[in-house]
Amino acid sequence: MKLLLLILAGGGWLQAHACDCFAPLSEGGMRDAKQIYVFRLAAVERLRTPGTNMETHTVRGKIAVSIGLRGEAPPTIVLYSTGWCCGTRMRVGNYYAAFIGERGPRSVGKHNLLYLGDDQRASEAATAHVQALLQQGTALPRGLLEASMERIDASPPPPPPPPGYRPPREASTK
């Protein structure tokens, strides 16, 4: 039993330290981006990720760009990774804004991606907020970044409590 607990605890430690995730997207990161574009995810293709034993996959997404807000011509393909460790979740048909810091790979993820909605109307409303941030410095609506993170974060939910677990009782102040 002790050996099983040590293995499980060690596995959790290894998983927690095996990834080095980027910091999540911020308003400052949005303003500093060299290239910004709004797109709809049109199709995805899961690519094989060699040399990994985790359930992580690189995904190639074909995109339909709605509007280029800054920088060079937007790409038609983006890459992102899914899985338990720093993964990104995107759904075909949904709208996103990409905030690319430097020229180079077309990788998107939690560090440079904003979920805009699942239809064109929601996307246009969210895009107007992004444009106001970029042009006038107007802050994004409260909770927009957090809601986006919840939609694109592919991290697993916390594990259920062990069988028979009872939460500690709160001390009475009487």
Protein backbone atom coordinates (compact mmCIF):
# COMPACT_ATOMS: atom_id res chain seq x y z
CA MET A 1 0.00 0.00 0.00
CA LYS A 2 2.82 2.42 0.91
CA LEU A 3 4.54 1.62 -2.37
CA LEU A 4 1.36 2.42 -4.30
CA LEU A 5 1.01 5.76 -2.50
CA LEU A 6 4.64 6.63 -3.23
CA ILE A 7 4.21 5.80 -6.91
CA LEU A 8 1.02 7.86 -7.15
CA ALA A 9 2.56 10.80 -5.30
CA GLY A 10 5.72 10.64 -7.43
CA GLY A 11 3.66 10.46 -10.62
CA GLY A 12 1.76 13.58 -9.59
CA TRP A 13 5.02 15.38 -8.86
CA LEU A 14 6.49 14.36 -12.21
CA GLN A 15 3.38 15.43 -14.08
CA ALA A 16 3.26 18.75 -12.26
CA HIS A 17 6.91 19.50 -13.05
CA ALA A 18 7.13 17.96 -16.52
CA CYS A 19 5.58 20.98 -18.24
CA ASP A 20 6.65 24.55 -18.46
CA CYS A 21 3.54 26.45 -19.52
CA PHE A 22 3.47 29.97 -20.89
CA ALA A 23 1.83 32.68 -18.82
CA PRO A 24 -1.84 33.17 -19.81
CA LEU A 25 -2.87 35.95 -22.17
CA SER A 26 -3.12 39.41 -20.60
CA GLU A 27 -4.27 42.82 -21.81
CA GLY A 28 -0.62 43.90 -21.92
CA GLY A 29 0.25 40.90 -24.07
CA MET A 30 -2.63 41.76 -26.36
CA ARG A 31 -1.43 45.35 -26.77
CA ASP A 32 2.18 44.29 -27.38
CA ALA A 33 1.41 41.67 -30.04
CA LYS A 34 3.07 42.22 -33.42
CA GLN A 35 0.37 40.36 -35.33
CA ILE A 36 -3.33 40.15 -34.40
CA TYR A 37 -6.08 38.45 -36.35
CA VAL A 38 -9.59 37.12 -35.75
CA PHE A 39 -10.49 33.73 -37.17
CA ARG A 40 -12.99 30.90 -37.20
CA LEU A 41 -11.61 27.39 -36.77
CA ALA A 42 -12.77 25.59 -39.92
CA ALA A 43 -11.22 22.11 -39.59
CA VAL A 44 -8.68 20.23 -37.47
CA GLU A 45 -6.26 17.39 -38.07
CA ARG A 46 -4.56 15.63 -35.17
CA LEU A 47 -0.89 15.01 -35.89
CA ARG A 48 1.24 12.31 -34.29
CA THR A 49 3.53 13.67 -31.60
CA PRO A 50 6.63 11.47 -31.54
CA GLY A 51 8.54 10.77 -28.34
CA THR A 52 5.80 11.44 -25.82
CA ASN A 53 4.06 9.04 -23.50
CA MET A 54 1.42 11.53 -22.41
CA GLU A 55 -1.91 12.03 -24.11
CA THR A 56 -0.69 15.15 -25.87
CA HIS A 57 -1.18 15.78 -29.56
CA THR A 58 -0.24 18.52 -31.94
CA VAL A 59 -3.24 19.69 -33.92
CA ARG A 60 -3.16 21.51 -37.24
CA GLY A 61 -6.16 23.78 -37.58
CA LYS A 62 -7.37 25.21 -40.87
CA ILE A 63 -8.71 28.69 -40.22
CA ALA A 64 -10.88 31.23 -42.00
CA VAL A 65 -9.62 34.70 -41.09
CA SER A 66 -12.40 37.22 -40.45
CA ILE A 67 -10.22 40.27 -39.96
CA GLY A 68 -6.55 41.13 -39.66
CA LEU A 69 -6.12 43.75 -36.94
CA ARG A 70 -2.33 44.19 -37.02
CA GLY A 71 0.75 42.90 -38.81
CA GLU A 72 1.42 40.82 -41.89
CA ALA A 73 -1.09 38.71 -43.77
CA PRO A 74 -2.64 36.15 -41.39
CA PRO A 75 -1.97 32.45 -41.96
CA THR A 76 -4.47 29.85 -43.13
CA ILE A 77 -3.17 27.20 -40.72
CA VAL A 78 -2.41 27.32 -36.98
CA LEU A 79 -0.84 24.70 -34.75
CA TYR A 80 -1.76 24.01 -31.15
CA SER A 81 -1.26 21.24 -28.67
CA THR A 82 -3.85 19.37 -26.66
CA GLY A 83 -3.45 17.24 -23.59
CA TRP A 84 -3.11 17.21 -19.86
CA CYS A 85 -0.10 19.45 -19.72
CA CYS A 86 -0.52 23.05 -20.87
CA GLY A 87 -2.98 21.93 -23.54
CA THR A 88 -5.38 24.07 -25.51
CA ARG A 89 -8.94 23.16 -26.44
CA MET A 90 -10.47 24.66 -29.57
CA ARG A 91 -13.72 23.72 -31.29
CA VAL A 92 -14.43 23.78 -35.01
CA GLY A 93 -16.86 26.59 -35.83
CA ASN A 94 -15.85 28.80 -32.89
CA TYR A 95 -14.21 32.21 -33.25
CA TYR A 96 -10.86 33.20 -31.73
CA ALA A 97 -8.38 36.08 -31.81
CA ALA A 98 -4.66 35.31 -32.04
CA PHE A 99 -2.05 37.67 -30.56
CA ILE A 100 1.34 36.68 -31.97
CA GLY A 101 4.38 38.25 -30.32
CA GLU A 102 7.14 37.53 -32.80
CA ARG A 103 7.42 36.26 -36.35
CA GLY A 104 7.90 32.57 -36.51
CA PRO A 105 5.84 29.47 -35.87
CA ARG A 106 2.09 29.83 -36.13
CA SER A 107 1.49 28.19 -32.77
CA VAL A 108 -1.45 29.35 -30.70
CA GLY A 109 -2.43 28.48 -27.16
CA LYS A 110 -3.55 29.88 -23.84
CA HIS A 111 -0.70 32.41 -23.92
CA ASN A 112 -1.81 34.14 -27.14
CA LEU A 113 -5.40 33.12 -27.86
CA LEU A 114 -8.72 34.72 -26.91
CA TYR A 115 -12.03 32.88 -27.28
CA LEU A 116 -14.55 35.22 -28.96
CA GLY A 117 -17.68 33.09 -29.18
CA ASP A 118 -19.44 30.32 -31.01
CA ASP A 119 -21.25 32.49 -33.55
CA GLN A 120 -20.51 35.51 -35.72
CA ARG A 121 -22.58 37.95 -33.64
CA ALA A 122 -20.76 37.09 -30.39
CA SER A 123 -17.43 37.23 -32.23
CA GLU A 124 -18.14 40.70 -33.61
CA ALA A 125 -19.11 42.03 -30.16
CA ALA A 126 -15.96 40.62 -28.55
CA THR A 127 -13.82 41.86 -31.46
CA ALA A 128 -15.17 45.39 -30.86
CA HIS A 129 -13.89 45.17 -27.25
CA VAL A 130 -10.47 44.02 -28.51
CA GLN A 131 -10.34 46.90 -31.00
CA ALA A 132 -11.24 49.39 -28.24
CA LEU A 133 -8.40 47.99 -26.12
CA LEU A 134 -5.93 48.30 -28.98
CA GLN A 135 -7.02 51.73 -30.25
CA GLN A 136 -8.18 53.63 -27.16
CA GLY A 137 -6.64 51.61 -24.34
CA THR A 138 -10.13 50.78 -23.02
CA ALA A 139 -10.06 47.84 -20.61
CA LEU A 140 -11.77 44.62 -21.65
CA PRO A 141 -15.11 43.83 -20.01
CA ARG A 142 -14.71 42.24 -16.61
CA GLY A 143 -14.27 38.48 -16.82
CA LEU A 144 -13.64 38.28 -20.59
CA LEU A 145 -10.08 36.93 -20.22
CA GLU A 146 -11.09 34.51 -17.46
CA ALA A 147 -14.07 33.19 -19.44
CA SER A 148 -11.81 32.73 -22.46
CA MET A 149 -9.30 30.78 -20.39
CA GLU A 150 -12.03 28.46 -19.13
CA ARG A 151 -13.13 27.79 -22.73
CA ILE A 152 -9.67 27.04 -24.15
CA ASP A 153 -7.94 25.40 -21.17
CA ALA A 154 -7.52 21.66 -21.75
CA SER A 155 -6.18 20.90 -18.26
CA PRO A 156 -7.96 18.07 -16.52
CA PRO A 157 -10.38 18.76 -13.70
CA PRO A 158 -9.09 18.02 -10.20
CA PRO A 159 -9.36 14.38 -9.16
CA PRO A 160 -12.35 13.31 -7.08
CA PRO A 161 -11.80 12.94 -3.33
CA PRO A 162 -10.84 9.46 -2.13
CA PRO A 163 -13.65 7.12 -1.03
CA GLY A 164 -14.80 7.90 2.49
CA TYR A 165 -13.29 11.41 2.49
CA ARG A 166 -15.09 13.94 4.66
CA PRO A 167 -14.23 17.62 4.42
CA PRO A 168 -13.04 19.19 7.68
CA ARG A 169 -15.77 20.80 9.77
CA GLU A 170 -15.58 24.53 10.21
CA ALA A 171 -14.86 25.63 13.78
CA SER A 172 -17.75 27.27 15.55
CA THR A 173 -17.25 30.88 16.62
CA LYS A 174 -19.94 30.82 19.33
